[in-house]
């Protein structure tokens, strides 16, 4: 495994993230492990990767399918030193970075469903879970969890329901989990740099071009409305509000 981490590290030599890069064969949740390390003082850019999770989760505690060595199960630690009201930007840039990663492999038209789903042709291929710690109205740190289906077969995904999910393999991409990890951290680095240096508008606009609200398959732009789900710009971030809900 040390050889694998060296290979990933060598591919990310110019990346600010993934330092340190820690691998576990199996954990309960990469987010839980990283939260503990963050509370103990782990630096920004620390990344936890797992071969499998026994209690991986998505939004609202829903279980995330984490079959051993079939997907990317990764958590990234950020310490942006922002007001807590800026937390939505983390969700925007993280989801966009994951979508851009899949674009690199020509997997198809990747759409985003607020707040955390990555979809291809209406099927879920990945998700992002943001877990911040707020101290005195500021972001002390943020754990960004990412799960991407890479090598899953139809049989692996059957338990999620017919046509509910897909994987890079099923979309025709001949890639490994390490390929996804390397490109994911590279895109995280690019998008994080953008929002740190005043290019938040570009991030939100690209997110909006990809967005799907409430399974409607309708893309929306900042300030537009989609059915019963109006969108508002709050601290420069686009937040769904009002009727309906997204999961």
Protein backbone atom coordinates (compact mmCIF):
# COMPACT_ATOMS: atom_id res chain seq x y z
CA UNK A 1 0.00 0.00 0.00
CA UNK A 2 2.91 2.37 0.64
CA UNK A 3 3.85 1.96 -3.04
CA UNK A 4 0.32 2.92 -4.06
CA UNK A 5 0.39 6.03 -1.90
CA UNK A 6 3.79 7.00 -3.30
CA UNK A 7 2.40 6.69 -6.82
CA UNK A 8 -0.58 8.88 -5.98
CA UNK A 9 1.65 11.36 -4.17
CA UNK A 10 4.05 11.55 -7.12
CA UNK A 11 1.17 12.40 -9.44
CA UNK A 12 0.13 15.20 -7.07
CA UNK A 13 3.55 16.69 -6.43
CA UNK A 14 2.34 20.17 -7.43
CA UNK A 15 -1.00 19.86 -5.62
CA UNK A 16 -1.51 21.61 -2.28
CA UNK A 17 -3.92 18.92 -1.12
CA UNK A 18 -3.27 15.33 -0.10
CA UNK A 19 -0.53 16.25 2.34
CA UNK A 20 -0.63 14.08 4.31
CA UNK A 21 -2.42 11.31 2.42
CA UNK A 22 -3.57 8.45 4.64
CA UNK A 23 -5.02 5.11 3.56
CA UNK A 24 -7.08 2.58 5.53
CA UNK A 25 -8.27 -0.78 4.28
CA UNK A 26 -11.58 -0.34 6.08
CA UNK A 27 -13.08 2.34 8.28
CA UNK A 28 -16.50 3.14 9.66
CA UNK A 29 -16.52 6.44 7.75
CA UNK A 30 -13.68 8.49 6.25
CA UNK A 31 -15.46 11.64 7.44
CA UNK A 32 -15.53 10.37 11.02
CA UNK A 33 -11.83 9.50 10.98
CA UNK A 34 -10.88 12.86 9.51
CA UNK A 35 -13.07 14.81 11.93
CA UNK A 36 -11.16 13.20 14.80
CA UNK A 37 -7.84 14.11 13.22
CA UNK A 38 -9.04 17.64 12.48
CA UNK A 39 -10.04 18.14 16.12
CA UNK A 40 -6.56 16.94 17.09
CA UNK A 41 -4.93 19.54 14.84
CA UNK A 42 -4.45 17.86 11.45
CA UNK A 43 -3.41 20.38 8.79
CA UNK A 44 -5.46 21.66 5.89
CA UNK A 45 -5.10 19.35 2.92
CA UNK A 46 -5.05 16.15 4.98
CA UNK A 47 -6.85 13.38 3.05
CA UNK A 48 -8.24 10.05 4.24
CA UNK A 49 -8.83 7.30 1.68
CA UNK A 50 -10.47 3.97 2.49
CA UNK A 51 -10.80 0.76 0.57
CA UNK A 52 -14.20 0.24 2.19
CA UNK A 53 -16.54 1.82 4.71
CA UNK A 54 -18.81 -0.02 7.11
CA UNK A 55 -20.87 3.06 7.97
CA UNK A 56 -20.38 5.40 5.03
CA UNK A 57 -23.17 7.93 4.85
CA UNK A 58 -24.74 10.52 2.66
CA UNK A 59 -27.02 13.41 3.50
CA UNK A 60 -29.35 12.99 6.49
CA UNK A 61 -27.39 9.92 7.58
CA UNK A 62 -28.45 7.78 4.65
CA UNK A 63 -26.10 4.84 4.10
CA UNK A 64 -23.60 5.15 1.27
CA UNK A 65 -22.85 1.92 -0.61
CA UNK A 66 -19.13 1.32 -0.02
CA UNK A 67 -18.18 -1.98 -1.64
CA UNK A 68 -14.50 -2.85 -1.05
CA UNK A 69 -12.16 -1.55 -3.76
CA UNK A 70 -15.01 -0.67 -6.11
CA UNK A 71 -15.29 3.05 -5.44
CA UNK A 72 -13.53 6.15 -4.22
CA UNK A 73 -14.25 6.79 -0.54
CA UNK A 74 -12.33 9.92 0.39
CA UNK A 75 -12.42 12.81 2.84
CA UNK A 76 -10.53 16.09 2.60
CA UNK A 77 -9.82 18.57 5.40
CA UNK A 78 -10.10 22.30 4.75
CA UNK A 79 -9.45 25.22 7.11
CA UNK A 80 -10.66 28.22 5.09
CA UNK A 81 -10.93 30.70 8.01
CA UNK A 82 -14.22 32.05 6.64
CA UNK A 83 -17.37 33.27 8.36
CA UNK A 84 -19.84 30.43 8.86
CA UNK A 85 -22.18 32.12 6.36
CA UNK A 86 -19.66 31.28 3.61
CA UNK A 87 -20.05 27.53 4.17
CA UNK A 88 -22.29 27.06 1.06
CA UNK A 89 -19.31 27.85 -1.16
CA UNK A 90 -17.65 24.65 0.07
CA UNK A 91 -20.61 22.61 -1.15
CA UNK A 92 -20.59 24.37 -4.51
CA UNK A 93 -16.91 23.99 -5.24
CA UNK A 94 -16.70 20.42 -3.91
CA UNK A 95 -19.56 19.17 -6.08
CA UNK A 96 -18.21 21.04 -9.08
CA UNK A 97 -14.71 19.62 -8.58
CA UNK A 98 -16.14 16.09 -8.49
CA UNK A 99 -18.12 16.75 -11.68
CA UNK A 100 -15.07 18.18 -13.42
CA UNK A 101 -13.14 15.08 -12.41
CA UNK A 102 -15.61 12.85 -14.23
CA UNK A 103 -15.44 15.18 -17.23
CA UNK A 104 -11.75 14.34 -17.51
CA UNK A 105 -12.71 10.74 -18.32
CA UNK A 106 -15.37 11.64 -20.90
CA UNK A 107 -18.02 9.85 -18.89
CA UNK A 108 -20.92 11.95 -20.11
CA UNK A 109 -22.88 15.01 -19.17
CA UNK A 110 -22.47 15.20 -15.40
CA UNK A 111 -25.31 17.01 -13.65
CA UNK A 112 -25.55 18.18 -10.04
CA UNK A 113 -28.59 17.92 -7.80
CA UNK A 114 -28.54 20.16 -4.75
CA UNK A 115 -27.00 19.68 -2.36
CA UNK A 116 -24.77 16.70 -2.97
CA UNK A 117 -25.62 14.32 -5.84
CA UNK A 118 -23.69 13.74 -9.07
CA UNK A 119 -25.88 12.31 -11.83
CA UNK A 120 -25.36 10.94 -15.32
CA UNK A 121 -28.53 10.44 -17.34
CA UNK A 122 -30.51 10.65 -14.13
CA UNK A 123 -28.47 7.95 -12.40
CA UNK A 124 -26.38 8.65 -9.34
CA UNK A 125 -22.66 8.14 -9.82
CA UNK A 126 -21.38 10.00 -6.80
CA UNK A 127 -22.04 12.32 -3.94
CA UNK A 128 -20.47 14.92 -1.67
CA UNK A 129 -21.04 15.37 2.07
CA UNK A 130 -19.90 18.59 3.75
CA UNK A 131 -19.48 18.55 7.55
CA UNK A 132 -18.23 21.84 9.03
CA UNK A 133 -17.26 22.67 12.58
CA UNK A 134 -18.27 26.22 13.50
CA UNK A 135 -16.63 28.14 16.32
CA UNK A 136 -17.78 31.67 17.18
CA UNK A 137 -19.52 32.09 13.85
CA UNK A 138 -16.43 31.09 11.89
CA UNK A 139 -15.53 27.87 10.11
CA UNK A 140 -12.97 26.19 12.32
CA UNK A 141 -12.64 23.43 9.74
CA UNK A 142 -14.63 21.60 7.10
CA UNK A 143 -14.53 17.89 6.28
CA UNK A 144 -15.45 17.22 2.66
CA UNK A 145 -16.47 13.63 2.01
CA UNK A 146 -16.69 12.28 -1.54
CA UNK A 147 -17.97 8.95 -2.79
CA UNK A 148 -17.73 7.99 -6.48
CA UNK A 149 -18.82 4.71 -8.04
CA UNK A 150 -15.88 3.56 -10.17
CA UNK A 151 -15.80 -0.19 -10.76
CA UNK A 152 -19.31 -1.18 -9.72
CA UNK A 153 -21.13 -3.76 -11.84
CA UNK A 154 -24.91 -3.89 -12.37
CA UNK A 155 -25.06 -6.56 -9.68
CA UNK A 156 -23.27 -4.33 -7.20
CA UNK A 157 -25.79 -1.54 -7.70
CA UNK A 158 -28.93 -3.66 -7.90
CA UNK A 159 -29.70 -3.19 -4.21
CA UNK A 160 -30.13 0.55 -4.84
CA UNK A 161 -33.00 -0.03 -7.26
CA UNK A 162 -33.38 -0.36 -11.02
CA UNK A 163 -31.63 2.44 -12.92
CA UNK A 164 -30.96 4.34 -9.68
CA UNK A 165 -27.18 4.38 -9.93
CA UNK A 166 -24.31 3.90 -12.32
CA UNK A 167 -20.51 3.76 -12.24
CA UNK A 168 -17.54 4.90 -14.30
CA UNK A 169 -17.17 1.33 -15.53
CA UNK A 170 -20.78 1.12 -16.65
CA UNK A 171 -20.42 4.46 -18.44
CA UNK A 172 -17.54 3.06 -20.50
CA UNK A 173 -14.54 4.49 -18.66
CA UNK A 174 -11.55 2.14 -18.37
CA UNK A 175 -10.05 3.71 -15.25
CA UNK A 176 -8.97 2.80 -11.72
CA UNK A 177 -9.93 4.24 -8.36
CA UNK A 178 -6.46 5.78 -8.16
CA UNK A 179 -7.02 7.58 -11.47
CA UNK A 180 -10.14 9.16 -9.97
CA UNK A 181 -8.40 10.06 -6.69
CA UNK A 182 -5.52 11.80 -8.46
CA UNK A 183 -7.76 13.82 -10.73
CA UNK A 184 -10.25 14.56 -7.96
CA UNK A 185 -7.61 16.11 -5.71
CA UNK A 186 -6.20 18.07 -8.65
CA UNK A 187 -9.65 19.52 -9.40
CA UNK A 188 -10.27 20.23 -5.71
CA UNK A 189 -7.03 22.21 -5.69
CA UNK A 190 -8.06 24.23 -8.76
CA UNK A 191 -11.58 25.03 -7.53
CA UNK A 192 -10.45 25.80 -3.98
CA UNK A 193 -7.85 28.20 -5.33
CA UNK A 194 -10.56 29.90 -7.40
CA UNK A 195 -12.86 30.60 -4.46
CA UNK A 196 -9.94 31.67 -2.26
CA UNK A 197 -8.90 34.25 -4.83
CA UNK A 198 -12.20 35.94 -5.53
CA UNK A 199 -13.56 33.81 -8.37
CA UNK A 200 -16.62 32.55 -6.50
CA UNK A 201 -18.96 33.85 -9.17
CA UNK A 202 -17.40 31.59 -11.82
CA UNK A 203 -17.78 28.58 -9.54
CA UNK A 204 -21.47 29.30 -8.86
CA UNK A 205 -22.25 29.98 -12.51
CA UNK A 206 -20.69 26.70 -13.63
CA UNK A 207 -22.48 24.86 -10.82
CA UNK A 208 -25.77 26.44 -11.94
CA UNK A 209 -25.26 25.35 -15.55
CA UNK A 210 -25.01 21.76 -14.35
CA UNK A 211 -27.75 21.88 -11.74
CA UNK A 212 -30.93 19.84 -11.59
CA UNK A 213 -33.60 20.75 -9.07
CA UNK A 214 -35.93 18.15 -7.58
CA UNK A 215 -35.36 15.52 -10.29
CA UNK A 216 -36.93 17.85 -12.85
CA UNK A 217 -33.95 17.55 -15.24
CA UNK A 218 -34.20 21.32 -15.65
CA UNK A 219 -31.02 23.34 -15.38
CA UNK A 220 -31.25 26.67 -13.63
CA UNK A 221 -29.14 29.78 -13.42
CA UNK A 222 -28.58 32.09 -10.44
CA UNK A 223 -31.75 33.98 -9.55
CA UNK A 224 -34.04 31.84 -11.73
CA UNK A 225 -36.94 29.77 -10.48
CA UNK A 226 -37.59 26.10 -11.04
CA UNK A 227 -41.16 24.96 -10.28
CA UNK A 228 -41.93 25.41 -6.59
CA UNK A 229 -38.22 25.71 -5.76
CA UNK A 230 -37.16 29.38 -5.89
CA UNK A 231 -33.47 30.14 -5.75
CA UNK A 232 -31.89 32.98 -3.87
CA UNK A 233 -28.42 34.46 -3.72
CA UNK A 234 -27.30 34.54 -0.11
CA UNK A 235 -23.81 35.90 0.58
CA UNK A 236 -23.19 35.37 -3.10
CA UNK A 237 -24.23 31.71 -2.94
CA UNK A 238 -27.29 30.17 -4.56
CA UNK A 239 -29.41 28.35 -2.00
CA UNK A 240 -32.63 26.44 -2.80
CA UNK A 241 -35.46 27.53 -0.50
CA UNK A 242 -39.20 27.39 -0.21
CA UNK A 243 -41.53 24.59 -1.38
CA UNK A 244 -40.29 21.13 -2.13
CA UNK A 245 -37.11 19.49 -0.93
CA UNK A 246 -34.09 17.82 -2.43
CA UNK A 247 -32.22 14.91 -0.99
